[in-house]
C-alpha atoms as a PDB file:
ATOM      1  CA  ILE A   1      -5.901  48.331   6.355  1.00  0.00           C
ATOM      2  CA  ALA A   2      -5.086  44.850   7.610  1.00  0.00           C
ATOM      3  CA  VAL A   3      -6.083  41.947   4.946  1.00  0.00           C
ATOM      4  CA  PRO A   4      -7.608  39.503   6.726  1.00  0.00           C
ATOM      5  CA  GLN A   5      -6.204  35.683   7.571  1.00  0.00           C
ATOM      6  CA  TYR A   6      -7.655  32.518   6.636  1.00  0.00           C
ATOM      7  CA  PHE A   7      -6.898  28.788   7.953  1.00  0.00           C
ATOM      8  CA  PHE A   8      -7.053  25.678   6.116  1.00  0.00           C
ATOM      9  CA  THR A   9      -7.514  22.497   7.445  1.00  0.00           C
ATOM     10  CA  ILE A  10      -8.130  19.247   5.742  1.00  0.00           C
ATOM     11  CA  GLN A  11     -10.566  16.625   7.869  1.00  0.00           C
ATOM     12  CA  ALA A  12     -10.220  13.098   7.030  1.00  0.00           C
ATOM     13  CA  SER A  13     -13.552  11.182   6.862  1.00  0.00           C
ATOM     14  CA  ASN A  14     -12.896   9.151  10.264  1.00  0.00           C
ATOM     15  CA  GLY A  15     -12.722  13.025  11.618  1.00  0.00           C
ATOM     16  CA  ASP A  16      -9.102  13.115  11.850  1.00  0.00           C
ATOM     17  CA  LEU A  17      -7.264  16.683  10.709  1.00  0.00           C
ATOM     18  CA  GLU A  18      -4.480  16.902   9.193  1.00  0.00           C
ATOM     19  CA  ASP A  19      -1.330  19.004  11.120  1.00  0.00           C
ATOM     20  CA  ASP A  20      -0.123  20.792   8.359  1.00  0.00           C
ATOM     21  CA  ARG A  21      -2.659  23.719   8.231  1.00  0.00           C
ATOM     22  CA  ILE A  22      -2.378  26.378   5.610  1.00  0.00           C
ATOM     23  CA  SER A  23      -2.890  30.114   6.314  1.00  0.00           C
ATOM     24  CA  LYS A  24      -3.396  32.892   3.646  1.00  0.00           C
ATOM     25  CA  SER A  25      -4.491  36.434   4.101  1.00  0.00           C
ATOM     26  CA  LEU A  26      -7.281  37.871   1.633  1.00  0.00           C
ATOM     27  CA  PRO A  27      -9.096  40.193   1.046  1.00  0.00           C
ATOM     28  CA  ASP A  28     -12.155  38.531   2.130  1.00  0.00           C
ATOM     29  CA  ILE A  29     -14.315  35.579   2.297  1.00  0.00           C
ATOM     30  CA  THR A  30     -15.357  35.028  -1.531  1.00  0.00           C
ATOM     31  CA  ALA A  31     -11.518  34.849  -2.267  1.00  0.00           C
ATOM     32  CA  ALA A  32     -11.095  32.096   0.643  1.00  0.00           C
ATOM     33  CA  LEU A  33     -13.720  30.323  -0.970  1.00  0.00           C
ATOM     34  CA  ALA A  34     -11.819  30.347  -4.584  1.00  0.00           C
ATOM     35  CA  HIS A  35      -8.565  29.576  -2.940  1.00  0.00           C
ATOM     36  CA  ALA A  36     -10.022  26.525  -0.959  1.00  0.00           C
ATOM     37  CA  GLU A  37     -11.348  25.135  -4.251  1.00  0.00           C
ATOM     38  CA  ARG A  38      -8.430  25.791  -6.190  1.00  0.00           C
ATOM     39  CA  LEU A  39      -6.317  24.386  -3.234  1.00  0.00           C
ATOM     40  CA  ILE A  40      -8.453  20.715  -3.302  1.00  0.00           C
ATOM     41  CA  ARG A  41      -8.320  20.574  -6.881  1.00  0.00           C
ATOM     42  CA  GLU A  42      -4.541  21.008  -6.585  1.00  0.00           C
ATOM     43  CA  LEU A  43      -4.500  18.061  -4.043  1.00  0.00           C
ATOM     44  CA  GLN A  44      -6.798  15.753  -5.873  1.00  0.00           C
ATOM     45  CA  LYS A  45      -4.513  16.009  -9.048  1.00  0.00           C
ATOM     46  CA  GLU A  46      -1.090  15.069  -6.726  1.00  0.00           C
ATOM     47  CA  GLY A  47      -3.038  12.011  -5.376  1.00  0.00           C
ATOM     48  CA  GLY A  48      -3.792  10.734  -2.103  1.00  0.00           C
ATOM     49  CA  TYR A  49      -6.874  12.590  -1.823  1.00  0.00           C
ATOM     50  CA  ASP A  50      -9.243  10.866  -2.961  1.00  0.00           C
ATOM     51  CA  ASP A  51     -10.986   9.711   0.575  1.00  0.00           C
ATOM     52  CA  PRO A  52     -15.303  10.938  -0.589  1.00  0.00           C
ATOM     53  CA  GLY A  53     -15.310  11.817   3.173  1.00  0.00           C
ATOM     54  CA  LEU A  54     -12.691  14.840   2.978  1.00  0.00           C
ATOM     55  CA  LYS A  55     -13.627  18.175   3.741  1.00  0.00           C
ATOM     56  CA  MET A  56     -11.472  21.618   4.234  1.00  0.00           C
ATOM     57  CA  PHE A  57     -12.348  23.852   6.543  1.00  0.00           C
ATOM     58  CA  VAL A  58     -11.675  27.425   6.425  1.00  0.00           C
ATOM     59  CA  LYS A  59     -11.548  29.483   9.738  1.00  0.00           C
ATOM     60  CA  ASP A  60     -11.147  33.097  10.258  1.00  0.00           C
ATOM     61  CA  GLU A  61      -8.536  34.919  12.854  1.00  0.00           C
ATOM     62  CA  SER A  62     -10.819  34.638  15.548  1.00  0.00           C
ATOM     63  CA  GLN A  63     -10.652  30.853  14.742  1.00  0.00           C
ATOM     64  CA  GLN A  64     -14.599  31.049  13.844  1.00  0.00           C
ATOM     65  CA  THR A  65     -15.406  28.233  10.780  1.00  0.00           C
ATOM     66  CA  VAL A  66     -16.275  30.632   8.004  1.00  0.00           C
ATOM     67  CA  LEU A  67     -16.340  27.621   5.088  1.00  0.00           C
ATOM     68  CA  PHE A  68     -16.246  23.956   4.417  1.00  0.00           C
ATOM     69  CA  LEU A  69     -16.060  22.222   1.560  1.00  0.00           C
ATOM     70  CA  PRO A  70     -16.536  18.717   0.961  1.00  0.00           C
ATOM     71  CA  PHE A  71     -13.787  17.408  -1.565  1.00  0.00           C
ATOM     72  CA  VAL A  72     -15.987  15.578  -3.650  1.00  0.00           C
ATOM     73  CA  ALA A  73     -17.527  19.294  -4.426  1.00  0.00           C
ATOM     74  CA  CYS A  74     -14.705  20.296  -6.020  1.00  0.00           C
ATOM     75  CA  GLY A  75     -13.579  17.516  -8.258  1.00  0.00           C
ATOM     76  CA  ASP A  76     -13.015  17.440 -12.138  1.00  0.00           C
END
């Protein structure tokens, strides 16, 4: 059984998308949500991701957006 691939992209408050889209094979949407939350927390710890308008979009293999999370919802 093939494990679905999810793609994680960060969007700034001005609408710009980061070029370095992250992809990961995960079993389901719940795992994709947990992965997105973990990525956001890691990025916030590293610094430079404190814009309250930042969002992470999660797309499936067909490039449909299945989730989006505001960074502020995942903060400490």
